[in-house]
PDB file of N, CA and C in Angstrom:
ATOM      1  N   MET A   1     -69.434 -22.480  35.003  1.00  0.00           N
ATOM      2  CA  MET A   1     -70.375 -23.061  34.199  1.00  0.00           C
ATOM      3  C   MET A   1     -71.298 -21.221  33.769  1.00  0.00           C
ATOM      4  N   SER A   2     -71.457 -20.963  32.415  1.00  0.00           N
ATOM      5  CA  SER A   2     -72.742 -20.108  32.571  1.00  0.00           C
ATOM      6  C   SER A   2     -73.661 -20.636  31.553  1.00  0.00           C
ATOM      7  N   VAL A   3     -74.500 -19.878  31.715  1.00  0.00           N
ATOM      8  CA  VAL A   3     -76.030 -20.014  30.841  1.00  0.00           C
ATOM      9  C   VAL A   3     -76.639 -18.781  30.833  1.00  0.00           C
ATOM     10  N   ASN A   4     -76.576 -17.923  29.389  1.00  0.00           N
ATOM     11  CA  ASN A   4     -77.059 -17.298  28.676  1.00  0.00           C
ATOM     12  C   ASN A   4     -76.143 -16.521  28.842  1.00  0.00           C
ATOM     13  N   VAL A   5     -74.943 -16.599  28.679  1.00  0.00           N
ATOM     14  CA  VAL A   5     -74.003 -15.636  29.362  1.00  0.00           C
ATOM     15  C   VAL A   5     -73.893 -14.904  30.631  1.00  0.00           C
ATOM     16  N   LYS A   6     -74.423 -16.075  31.846  1.00  0.00           N
ATOM     17  CA  LYS A   6     -74.494 -15.677  32.981  1.00  0.00           C
ATOM     18  C   LYS A   6     -73.698 -16.409  33.932  1.00  0.00           C
ATOM     19  N   ARG A   7     -73.414 -15.938  35.044  1.00  0.00           N
ATOM     20  CA  ARG A   7     -72.633 -16.880  35.663  1.00  0.00           C
ATOM     21  C   ARG A   7     -73.124 -17.342  37.494  1.00  0.00           C
ATOM     22  N   THR A   8     -73.957 -16.285  37.850  1.00  0.00           N
ATOM     23  CA  THR A   8     -74.586 -15.792  38.502  1.00  0.00           C
ATOM     24  C   THR A   8     -76.369 -15.805  38.571  1.00  0.00           C
ATOM     25  N   GLU A   9     -77.220 -15.591  39.224  1.00  0.00           N
ATOM     26  CA  GLU A   9     -78.738 -14.939  39.021  1.00  0.00           C
ATOM     27  C   GLU A   9     -79.145 -15.523  37.500  1.00  0.00           C
ATOM     28  N   ILE A  10     -78.767 -17.019  37.031  1.00  0.00           N
ATOM     29  CA  ILE A  10     -79.941 -17.507  36.029  1.00  0.00           C
ATOM     30  C   ILE A  10     -81.351 -17.740  36.567  1.00  0.00           C
ATOM     31  N   ASN A  11     -81.781 -17.801  35.999  1.00  0.00           N
ATOM     32  CA  ASN A  11     -83.119 -17.872  36.187  1.00  0.00           C
ATOM     33  C   ASN A  11     -84.165 -18.817  35.040  1.00  0.00           C
ATOM     34  N   ARG A  12     -85.590 -19.223  35.210  1.00  0.00           N
ATOM     35  CA  ARG A  12     -86.026 -19.932  34.913  1.00  0.00           C
ATOM     36  C   ARG A  12     -85.824 -19.496  32.887  1.00  0.00           C
ATOM     37  N   ALA A  13     -86.039 -18.125  32.932  1.00  0.00           N
ATOM     38  CA  ALA A  13     -85.944 -17.499  31.604  1.00  0.00           C
ATOM     39  C   ALA A  13     -84.784 -17.693  30.717  1.00  0.00           C
ATOM     40  N   ASP A  14     -83.604 -17.659  31.089  1.00  0.00           N
ATOM     41  CA  ASP A  14     -82.079 -18.159  31.031  1.00  0.00           C
ATOM     42  C   ASP A  14     -82.401 -19.515  30.703  1.00  0.00           C
ATOM     43  N   LEU A  15     -82.851 -20.167  30.935  1.00  0.00           N
ATOM     44  CA  LEU A  15     -82.738 -21.763  31.405  1.00  0.00           C
ATOM     45  C   LEU A  15     -83.420 -22.469  29.362  1.00  0.00           C
ATOM     46  N   LEU A  16     -84.868 -21.426  29.518  1.00  0.00           N
ATOM     47  CA  LEU A  16     -85.573 -21.412  28.491  1.00  0.00           C
ATOM     48  C   LEU A  16     -85.447 -20.815  27.274  1.00  0.00           C
ATOM     49  N   LYS A  17     -84.500 -20.021  27.467  1.00  0.00           N
ATOM     50  CA  LYS A  17     -83.733 -19.451  26.112  1.00  0.00           C
ATOM     51  C   LYS A  17     -82.876 -19.847  25.371  1.00  0.00           C
ATOM     52  N   ILE A  18     -82.431 -21.272  26.556  1.00  0.00           N
ATOM     53  CA  ILE A  18     -80.517 -22.054  25.863  1.00  0.00           C
ATOM     54  C   ILE A  18     -81.638 -23.183  25.281  1.00  0.00           C
ATOM     55  N   ALA A  19     -82.810 -23.812  26.146  1.00  0.00           N
ATOM     56  CA  ALA A  19     -83.349 -24.933  25.781  1.00  0.00           C
ATOM     57  C   ALA A  19     -83.778 -24.707  24.114  1.00  0.00           C
ATOM     58  N   ASP A  20     -84.650 -23.210  24.111  1.00  0.00           N
ATOM     59  CA  ASP A  20     -85.070 -23.170  22.843  1.00  0.00           C
ATOM     60  C   ASP A  20     -83.931 -22.751  21.298  1.00  0.00           C
ATOM     61  N   LEU A  21     -82.421 -22.783  21.926  1.00  0.00           N
ATOM     62  CA  LEU A  21     -81.819 -22.431  20.530  1.00  0.00           C
ATOM     63  C   LEU A  21     -81.575 -23.919  20.616  1.00  0.00           C
ATOM     64  N   PHE A  22     -81.433 -24.976  21.407  1.00  0.00           N
ATOM     65  CA  PHE A  22     -80.891 -26.249  21.159  1.00  0.00           C
ATOM     66  C   PHE A  22     -82.721 -27.439  21.279  1.00  0.00           C
ATOM     67  N   THR A  23     -83.106 -26.510  20.628  1.00  0.00           N
ATOM     68  CA  THR A  23     -84.647 -27.282  20.343  1.00  0.00           C
ATOM     69  C   THR A  23     -85.039 -28.448  21.214  1.00  0.00           C
ATOM     70  N   ILE A  24     -85.218 -28.239  22.430  1.00  0.00           N
ATOM     71  CA  ILE A  24     -85.294 -29.059  23.437  1.00  0.00           C
ATOM     72  C   ILE A  24     -87.072 -28.943  23.653  1.00  0.00           C
ATOM     73  N   LYS A  25     -87.385 -30.078  23.488  1.00  0.00           N
ATOM     74  CA  LYS A  25     -88.944 -30.141  24.013  1.00  0.00           C
ATOM     75  C   LYS A  25     -89.196 -30.258  25.093  1.00  0.00           C
ATOM     76  N   ASP A  26     -90.749 -29.261  25.518  1.00  0.00           N
ATOM     77  CA  ASP A  26     -91.150 -29.309  26.702  1.00  0.00           C
ATOM     78  C   ASP A  26     -89.744 -28.847  28.144  1.00  0.00           C
ATOM     79  N   ALA A  27     -88.996 -28.101  27.329  1.00  0.00           N
ATOM     80  CA  ALA A  27     -88.371 -27.415  28.564  1.00  0.00           C
ATOM     81  C   ALA A  27     -89.208 -27.094  30.198  1.00  0.00           C
ATOM     82  N   ASN A  28     -90.256 -26.348  29.844  1.00  0.00           N
ATOM     83  CA  ASN A  28     -90.604 -26.407  30.926  1.00  0.00           C
ATOM     84  C   ASN A  28     -91.039 -27.403  31.961  1.00  0.00           C
ATOM     85  N   GLY A  29     -91.740 -28.271  31.213  1.00  0.00           N
ATOM     86  CA  GLY A  29     -91.961 -29.840  32.103  1.00  0.00           C
ATOM     87  C   GLY A  29     -90.682 -30.039  32.517  1.00  0.00           C
ATOM     88  N   ILE A  30     -89.707 -30.361  31.929  1.00  0.00           N
ATOM     89  CA  ILE A  30     -88.445 -30.782  32.347  1.00  0.00           C
ATOM     90  C   ILE A  30     -87.820 -29.554  33.868  1.00  0.00           C
ATOM     91  N   ILE A  31     -88.091 -28.674  33.941  1.00  0.00           N
ATOM     92  CA  ILE A  31     -87.661 -27.607  34.850  1.00  0.00           C
ATOM     93  C   ILE A  31     -88.589 -28.088  36.028  1.00  0.00           C
ATOM     94  N   GLU A  32     -89.708 -28.433  35.619  1.00  0.00           N
ATOM     95  CA  GLU A  32     -90.676 -28.932  37.131  1.00  0.00           C
ATOM     96  C   GLU A  32     -90.527 -30.051  37.045  1.00  0.00           C
ATOM     97  N   GLU A  33     -89.790 -31.036  36.686  1.00  0.00           N
ATOM     98  CA  GLU A  33     -89.666 -32.152  36.911  1.00  0.00           C
ATOM     99  C   GLU A  33     -88.447 -32.139  37.904  1.00  0.00           C
ATOM    100  N   VAL A  34     -87.430 -31.342  37.713  1.00  0.00           N
ATOM    101  CA  VAL A  34     -86.201 -31.086  38.608  1.00  0.00           C
ATOM    102  C   VAL A  34     -86.754 -30.713  39.772  1.00  0.00           C
ATOM    103  N   VAL A  35     -87.487 -29.257  39.789  1.00  0.00           N
ATOM    104  CA  VAL A  35     -87.987 -28.822  41.007  1.00  0.00           C
ATOM    105  C   VAL A  35     -88.717 -29.658  42.094  1.00  0.00           C
ATOM    106  N   THR A  36     -89.493 -30.631  41.326  1.00  0.00           N
ATOM    107  CA  THR A  36     -90.078 -31.453  42.327  1.00  0.00           C
ATOM    108  C   THR A  36     -89.171 -32.468  43.153  1.00  0.00           C
ATOM    109  N   ALA A  37     -87.957 -33.098  41.682  1.00  0.00           N
ATOM    110  CA  ALA A  37     -87.350 -34.027  42.695  1.00  0.00           C
ATOM    111  C   ALA A  37     -86.325 -33.299  43.804  1.00  0.00           C
ATOM    112  N   THR A  38     -85.765 -31.643  43.501  1.00  0.00           N
ATOM    113  CA  THR A  38     -85.039 -31.271  44.526  1.00  0.00           C
ATOM    114  C   THR A  38     -85.956 -30.733  45.792  1.00  0.00           C
ATOM    115  N   GLN A  39     -87.190 -31.166  45.440  1.00  0.00           N
ATOM    116  CA  GLN A  39     -88.100 -30.515  46.662  1.00  0.00           C
ATOM    117  C   GLN A  39     -88.347 -31.868  47.881  1.00  0.00           C
ATOM    118  N   GLN A  40     -87.867 -32.773  47.251  1.00  0.00           N
ATOM    119  CA  GLN A  40     -87.977 -34.098  47.510  1.00  0.00           C
ATOM    120  C   GLN A  40     -86.576 -34.815  48.252  1.00  0.00           C
ATOM    121  N   PHE A  41     -85.816 -34.499  47.774  1.00  0.00           N
ATOM    122  CA  PHE A  41     -84.286 -34.953  47.902  1.00  0.00           C
ATOM    123  C   PHE A  41     -83.767 -34.524  49.702  1.00  0.00           C
ATOM    124  N   LYS A  42     -84.198 -33.739  50.586  1.00  0.00           N
ATOM    125  CA  LYS A  42     -84.633 -33.798  51.921  1.00  0.00           C
ATOM    126  C   LYS A  42     -84.367 -34.823  52.792  1.00  0.00           C
ATOM    127  N   THR A  43     -85.917 -35.039  51.774  1.00  0.00           N
ATOM    128  CA  THR A  43     -86.533 -36.465  52.580  1.00  0.00           C
ATOM    129  C   THR A  43     -86.181 -37.642  52.545  1.00  0.00           C
ATOM    130  N   LEU A  44     -85.342 -37.715  51.013  1.00  0.00           N
ATOM    131  CA  LEU A  44     -84.888 -38.599  51.006  1.00  0.00           C
ATOM    132  C   LEU A  44     -83.191 -39.021  51.316  1.00  0.00           C
ATOM    133  N   CYS A  45     -83.110 -37.989  51.441  1.00  0.00           N
ATOM    134  CA  CYS A  45     -81.761 -38.244  52.385  1.00  0.00           C
ATOM    135  C   CYS A  45     -81.982 -38.677  53.527  1.00  0.00           C
ATOM    136  N   GLN A  46     -82.981 -38.184  54.203  1.00  0.00           N
ATOM    137  CA  GLN A  46     -83.324 -38.496  55.580  1.00  0.00           C
ATOM    138  C   GLN A  46     -83.353 -39.560  56.092  1.00  0.00           C
ATOM    139  N   GLU A  47     -84.277 -40.321  55.058  1.00  0.00           N
ATOM    140  CA  GLU A  47     -84.811 -41.933  54.863  1.00  0.00           C
ATOM    141  C   GLU A  47     -83.775 -42.375  55.141  1.00  0.00           C
ATOM    142  N   HIS A  48     -82.616 -42.159  54.191  1.00  0.00           N
ATOM    143  CA  HIS A  48     -81.080 -43.183  53.909  1.00  0.00           C
ATOM    144  C   HIS A  48     -80.340 -42.951  55.014  1.00  0.00           C
ATOM    145  N   LYS A  49     -80.555 -41.931  56.068  1.00  0.00           N
ATOM    146  CA  LYS A  49     -79.749 -41.854  57.084  1.00  0.00           C
ATOM    147  C   LYS A  49     -78.249 -40.997  56.613  1.00  0.00           C
ATOM    148  N   ILE A  50     -78.547 -39.945  55.906  1.00  0.00           N
ATOM    149  CA  ILE A  50     -77.623 -38.966  55.278  1.00  0.00           C
ATOM    150  C   ILE A  50     -77.166 -38.040  56.387  1.00  0.00           C
ATOM    151  N   PRO A  51     -76.102 -37.767  57.002  1.00  0.00           N
ATOM    152  CA  PRO A  51     -75.888 -36.796  58.018  1.00  0.00           C
ATOM    153  C   PRO A  51     -76.736 -34.969  57.405  1.00  0.00           C
ATOM    154  N   GLU A  52     -77.575 -34.536  58.327  1.00  0.00           N
ATOM    155  CA  GLU A  52     -78.395 -33.537  57.788  1.00  0.00           C
ATOM    156  C   GLU A  52     -76.724 -32.419  57.701  1.00  0.00           C
ATOM    157  N   LYS A  53     -75.918 -32.534  58.243  1.00  0.00           N
ATOM    158  CA  LYS A  53     -74.840 -31.516  57.540  1.00  0.00           C
ATOM    159  C   LYS A  53     -74.087 -31.598  56.119  1.00  0.00           C
ATOM    160  N   VAL A  54     -74.131 -32.813  55.444  1.00  0.00           N
ATOM    161  CA  VAL A  54     -74.153 -33.499  54.112  1.00  0.00           C
ATOM    162  C   VAL A  54     -75.134 -33.027  53.149  1.00  0.00           C
ATOM    163  N   ILE A  55     -76.529 -32.982  53.745  1.00  0.00           N
ATOM    164  CA  ILE A  55     -77.726 -32.911  53.500  1.00  0.00           C
ATOM    165  C   ILE A  55     -77.798 -31.097  52.837  1.00  0.00           C
ATOM    166  N   ASP A  56     -77.424 -30.500  53.761  1.00  0.00           N
ATOM    167  CA  ASP A  56     -77.375 -29.075  54.190  1.00  0.00           C
ATOM    168  C   ASP A  56     -76.300 -28.398  53.042  1.00  0.00           C
ATOM    169  N   LYS A  57     -75.291 -29.038  52.839  1.00  0.00           N
ATOM    170  CA  LYS A  57     -74.159 -28.605  52.480  1.00  0.00           C
ATOM    171  C   LYS A  57     -74.811 -28.677  50.482  1.00  0.00           C
ATOM    172  N   ILE A  58     -75.162 -30.083  50.321  1.00  0.00           N
ATOM    173  CA  ILE A  58     -75.708 -30.330  49.165  1.00  0.00           C
ATOM    174  C   ILE A  58     -77.078 -29.395  48.331  1.00  0.00           C
ATOM    175  N   GLU A  59     -77.781 -29.397  49.527  1.00  0.00           N
ATOM    176  CA  GLU A  59     -78.848 -27.825  49.364  1.00  0.00           C
ATOM    177  C   GLU A  59     -78.441 -26.763  48.954  1.00  0.00           C
ATOM    178  N   SER A  60     -77.232 -26.404  49.567  1.00  0.00           N
ATOM    179  CA  SER A  60     -77.266 -24.857  49.539  1.00  0.00           C
ATOM    180  C   SER A  60     -76.422 -24.711  48.057  1.00  0.00           C
ATOM    181  N   ASP A  61     -76.051 -25.508  47.409  1.00  0.00           N
ATOM    182  CA  ASP A  61     -75.854 -25.908  45.803  1.00  0.00           C
ATOM    183  C   ASP A  61     -76.777 -25.767  44.617  1.00  0.00           C
ATOM    184  N   PHE A  62     -77.976 -25.953  45.325  1.00  0.00           N
ATOM    185  CA  PHE A  62     -79.464 -26.061  44.572  1.00  0.00           C
ATOM    186  C   PHE A  62     -80.121 -24.609  44.260  1.00  0.00           C
ATOM    187  N   LEU A  63     -79.592 -24.751  42.886  1.00  0.00           N
ATOM    188  CA  LEU A  63     -80.499 -22.868  42.400  1.00  0.00           C
ATOM    189  C   LEU A  63     -82.241 -23.594  42.651  1.00  0.00           C
ATOM    190  N   LYS A  64     -82.600 -22.041  43.260  1.00  0.00           N
ATOM    191  CA  LYS A  64     -83.848 -22.675  42.726  1.00  0.00           C
ATOM    192  C   LYS A  64     -85.011 -21.427  41.583  1.00  0.00           C
ATOM    193  N   PHE A  65     -85.662 -21.971  41.186  1.00  0.00           N
ATOM    194  CA  PHE A  65     -86.948 -21.993  40.095  1.00  0.00           C
ATOM    195  C   PHE A  65     -88.101 -21.545  40.456  1.00  0.00           C
TER     196      PHE A  65
END
């Protein structure tokens, strides 16, 4: 999938540009909510006894903004 004609090195500015094109309100706030949720991901997985190998694989696919 591409974002703002990019397939790699996608950043917050790219997401905000697309959000503006689609008139998404409070795009920055939405991004912050996702960032917060992904920061809690590992803890929640550990609480639910998900194997570390699985957690690490999923986390490796997260983009950091």
